[in-house]
Amino acid sequence: MSRGDTAGRGPRAARRAPSRSKRSSTPLPKRLSPRSDAAPKQRTTFTGRAAILALALASVMVAVALPFKIWLGQRSGINSLNAQIRTEQQRLAQLQTQHKRWTDPGYVEQQAQQRLHYVLPGHKTYVVLGKPSRKAGRTVHTAAAAGNGPWYSTLWQSMQSAGGITVSK
């Protein structure tokens, strides 16, 4: 700078301008450098490298999001199928034990007597009519007595006994 340039700045600026031009070729000592006691200013601007990095991270997140969602869905599907397998295995174990019971002839005979009211030859059965009393506990339902006539006479007799009607002959 020349003195003519510093004329509008005041007397101090005119005096400093020539001295700076002399020192510009030589480095200033640290204690005399401008802003020597101030902290260095950090850059907070968004640079091109940061933009590219942000774009790359965003694209990776988008690329990973859909497969991750699919993976989570498959994991939940696998967990529900495993629970279903466990329940089916329990049901299979129950059916296998039931099958073992049905292969026993004594169990089959017992079920035929209880469920189908079958009677072995030579055995007598009694039919208990009315509601079972709670004091007596569990009552065994037996088959109707095999009558000496056709099925409709046995039916008629059971209807009469259920209604409390006695027919004298």
Protein backbone atom coordinates (compact mmCIF):
# COMPACT_ATOMS: atom_id res chain seq x y z
CA MET A 1 0.00 0.00 0.00
CA SER A 2 1.11 3.50 -0.61
CA ARG A 3 0.50 6.56 1.46
CA GLY A 4 -2.04 7.87 -1.02
CA ASP A 5 -4.27 4.83 -0.45
CA THR A 6 -4.32 5.32 3.30
CA ALA A 7 -5.14 9.01 3.29
CA GLY A 8 -8.86 8.50 4.03
CA ARG A 9 -8.22 6.06 6.90
CA GLY A 10 -6.61 8.33 9.38
CA PRO A 11 -3.07 9.00 10.65
CA ARG A 12 -2.58 5.60 12.33
CA ALA A 13 -3.43 3.63 9.23
CA ALA A 14 -0.98 5.74 7.23
CA ARG A 15 1.79 4.92 9.61
CA ARG A 16 1.11 1.19 9.70
CA ALA A 17 0.75 0.61 6.02
CA PRO A 18 4.40 1.08 5.10
CA SER A 19 5.62 -1.06 7.96
CA ARG A 20 3.42 -4.02 6.94
CA SER A 21 4.66 -3.92 3.42
CA LYS A 22 8.19 -4.23 4.71
CA ARG A 23 7.31 -7.16 6.96
CA SER A 24 5.28 -9.05 4.37
CA SER A 25 8.40 -10.67 2.96
CA THR A 26 9.58 -11.83 6.36
CA PRO A 27 7.40 -13.94 8.66
CA LEU A 28 6.12 -12.29 11.80
CA PRO A 29 7.06 -13.74 15.14
CA LYS A 30 4.29 -15.63 16.90
CA ARG A 31 3.75 -13.02 19.55
CA LEU A 32 3.30 -10.33 16.94
CA SER A 33 1.10 -12.27 14.54
CA PRO A 34 -2.52 -11.16 14.26
CA ARG A 35 -4.95 -13.15 16.44
CA SER A 36 -2.13 -14.79 18.34
CA ASP A 37 -4.09 -14.90 21.59
CA ALA A 38 -7.46 -15.82 19.97
CA ALA A 39 -8.48 -19.52 19.50
CA PRO A 40 -8.34 -20.79 15.91
CA LYS A 41 -11.72 -20.56 14.24
CA GLN A 42 -13.25 -23.96 13.37
CA ARG A 43 -14.98 -24.47 10.08
CA THR A 44 -18.64 -25.38 10.47
CA THR A 45 -19.54 -25.28 6.84
CA PHE A 46 -20.92 -28.29 5.01
CA THR A 47 -18.20 -29.41 2.64
CA GLY A 48 -18.46 -31.45 -0.51
CA ARG A 49 -16.81 -34.46 1.14
CA ALA A 50 -19.36 -34.40 3.96
CA ALA A 51 -22.20 -34.25 1.44
CA ILE A 52 -20.84 -37.24 -0.46
CA LEU A 53 -20.39 -39.16 2.81
CA ALA A 54 -23.94 -38.35 3.90
CA LEU A 55 -25.28 -39.41 0.51
CA ALA A 56 -23.32 -42.67 0.66
CA LEU A 57 -24.59 -43.45 4.18
CA ALA A 58 -28.16 -42.69 3.18
CA SER A 59 -27.94 -44.97 0.14
CA VAL A 60 -26.48 -47.78 2.26
CA MET A 61 -29.30 -47.39 4.78
CA VAL A 62 -31.90 -47.52 2.02
CA ALA A 63 -30.22 -50.54 0.46
CA VAL A 64 -30.13 -52.39 3.81
CA ALA A 65 -33.61 -51.40 5.06
CA LEU A 66 -35.70 -53.62 2.77
CA PRO A 67 -33.66 -56.83 3.27
CA PHE A 68 -33.64 -56.17 7.02
CA LYS A 69 -37.43 -55.80 7.03
CA ILE A 70 -37.77 -59.03 5.07
CA TRP A 71 -35.39 -60.80 7.46
CA LEU A 72 -37.41 -59.65 10.49
CA GLY A 73 -40.63 -60.88 8.86
CA GLN A 74 -39.08 -64.23 8.12
CA ARG A 75 -37.82 -64.55 11.71
CA SER A 76 -41.30 -63.92 13.08
CA GLY A 77 -42.71 -66.45 10.61
CA ILE A 78 -40.14 -69.02 11.71
CA ASN A 79 -40.98 -68.41 15.37
CA SER A 80 -44.71 -68.89 14.74
CA LEU A 81 -44.03 -72.06 12.75
CA ASN A 82 -41.85 -73.41 15.57
CA ALA A 83 -44.68 -72.80 18.04
CA GLN A 84 -47.09 -74.56 15.69
CA ILE A 85 -44.67 -77.50 15.39
CA ARG A 86 -44.51 -77.80 19.19
CA THR A 87 -48.30 -77.90 19.50
CA GLU A 88 -48.58 -80.44 16.69
CA GLN A 89 -45.93 -82.62 18.35
CA GLN A 90 -47.92 -82.55 21.59
CA ARG A 91 -51.06 -83.50 19.69
CA LEU A 92 -49.15 -86.30 17.95
CA ALA A 93 -47.94 -87.65 21.31
CA GLN A 94 -51.54 -87.64 22.60
CA LEU A 95 -52.73 -89.49 19.49
CA GLN A 96 -49.96 -92.05 19.81
CA THR A 97 -50.87 -92.82 23.42
CA GLN A 98 -54.53 -93.07 22.42
CA HIS A 99 -53.58 -95.44 19.60
CA LYS A 100 -51.66 -97.64 22.04
CA ARG A 101 -54.76 -97.83 24.27
CA TRP A 102 -57.00 -98.78 21.33
CA THR A 103 -54.69 -101.63 20.32
CA ASP A 104 -55.37 -103.27 23.73
CA PRO A 105 -58.37 -105.66 23.41
CA GLY A 106 -59.43 -105.05 27.04
CA TYR A 107 -59.67 -101.31 26.43
CA VAL A 108 -61.70 -101.86 23.25
CA GLU A 109 -64.11 -104.12 25.15
CA GLN A 110 -64.45 -101.57 27.95
CA GLN A 111 -65.17 -98.75 25.48
CA ALA A 112 -67.74 -100.87 23.65
CA GLN A 113 -69.55 -101.48 26.92
CA GLN A 114 -69.44 -97.85 28.03
CA ARG A 115 -70.01 -96.02 24.77
CA LEU A 116 -72.06 -98.42 22.70
CA HIS A 117 -73.77 -100.21 25.60
CA TYR A 118 -72.69 -103.64 24.42
CA VAL A 119 -73.19 -106.55 26.81
CA LEU A 120 -71.17 -109.71 26.92
CA PRO A 121 -73.13 -112.94 26.64
CA GLY A 122 -74.24 -114.20 30.03
CA HIS A 123 -74.01 -110.81 31.76
CA LYS A 124 -77.04 -109.04 33.17
CA THR A 125 -77.44 -105.30 32.74
CA TYR A 126 -79.71 -102.92 34.54
CA VAL A 127 -81.01 -99.63 33.27
CA VAL A 128 -81.20 -96.86 35.84
CA LEU A 129 -83.71 -94.22 34.88
CA GLY A 130 -83.96 -90.68 36.17
CA LYS A 131 -81.33 -88.20 37.13
CA PRO A 132 -78.38 -89.56 39.01
CA SER A 133 -78.10 -88.34 42.58
CA ARG A 134 -75.02 -86.39 43.46
CA LYS A 135 -74.61 -88.34 46.68
CA ALA A 136 -74.23 -91.60 44.80
CA GLY A 137 -71.38 -90.13 42.80
CA ARG A 138 -70.68 -91.32 39.33
CA THR A 139 -73.17 -93.77 37.90
CA VAL A 140 -72.43 -96.22 35.18
CA HIS A 141 -74.82 -96.14 32.27
CA THR A 142 -75.74 -99.62 31.19
CA ALA A 143 -77.49 -100.87 28.14
CA ALA A 144 -81.17 -101.57 28.07
CA ALA A 145 -82.07 -105.13 28.86
CA ALA A 146 -82.27 -107.25 25.78
CA GLY A 147 -85.97 -108.00 25.50
CA ASN A 148 -87.51 -111.16 24.15
CA GLY A 149 -89.25 -109.32 21.40
CA PRO A 150 -88.63 -107.01 18.52
CA TRP A 151 -86.94 -103.65 18.92
CA TYR A 152 -90.15 -101.66 18.90
CA SER A 153 -91.48 -103.48 21.96
CA THR A 154 -88.28 -102.61 23.82
CA LEU A 155 -88.67 -99.01 22.71
CA TRP A 156 -92.27 -98.90 23.89
CA GLN A 157 -91.33 -100.37 27.26
CA SER A 158 -88.56 -97.81 27.76
CA MET A 159 -90.92 -94.94 26.91
CA GLN A 160 -93.49 -96.20 29.39
CA SER A 161 -90.92 -96.60 32.15
CA ALA A 162 -89.45 -93.15 31.44
CA GLY A 163 -92.86 -91.53 31.68
CA GLY A 164 -93.73 -93.38 34.88
CA ILE A 165 -96.71 -95.08 33.26
CA THR A 166 -97.34 -98.64 34.29
CA VAL A 167 -99.38 -100.82 32.02
CA SER A 168 -101.02 -103.81 33.58
CA LYS A 169 -101.88 -106.76 31.44
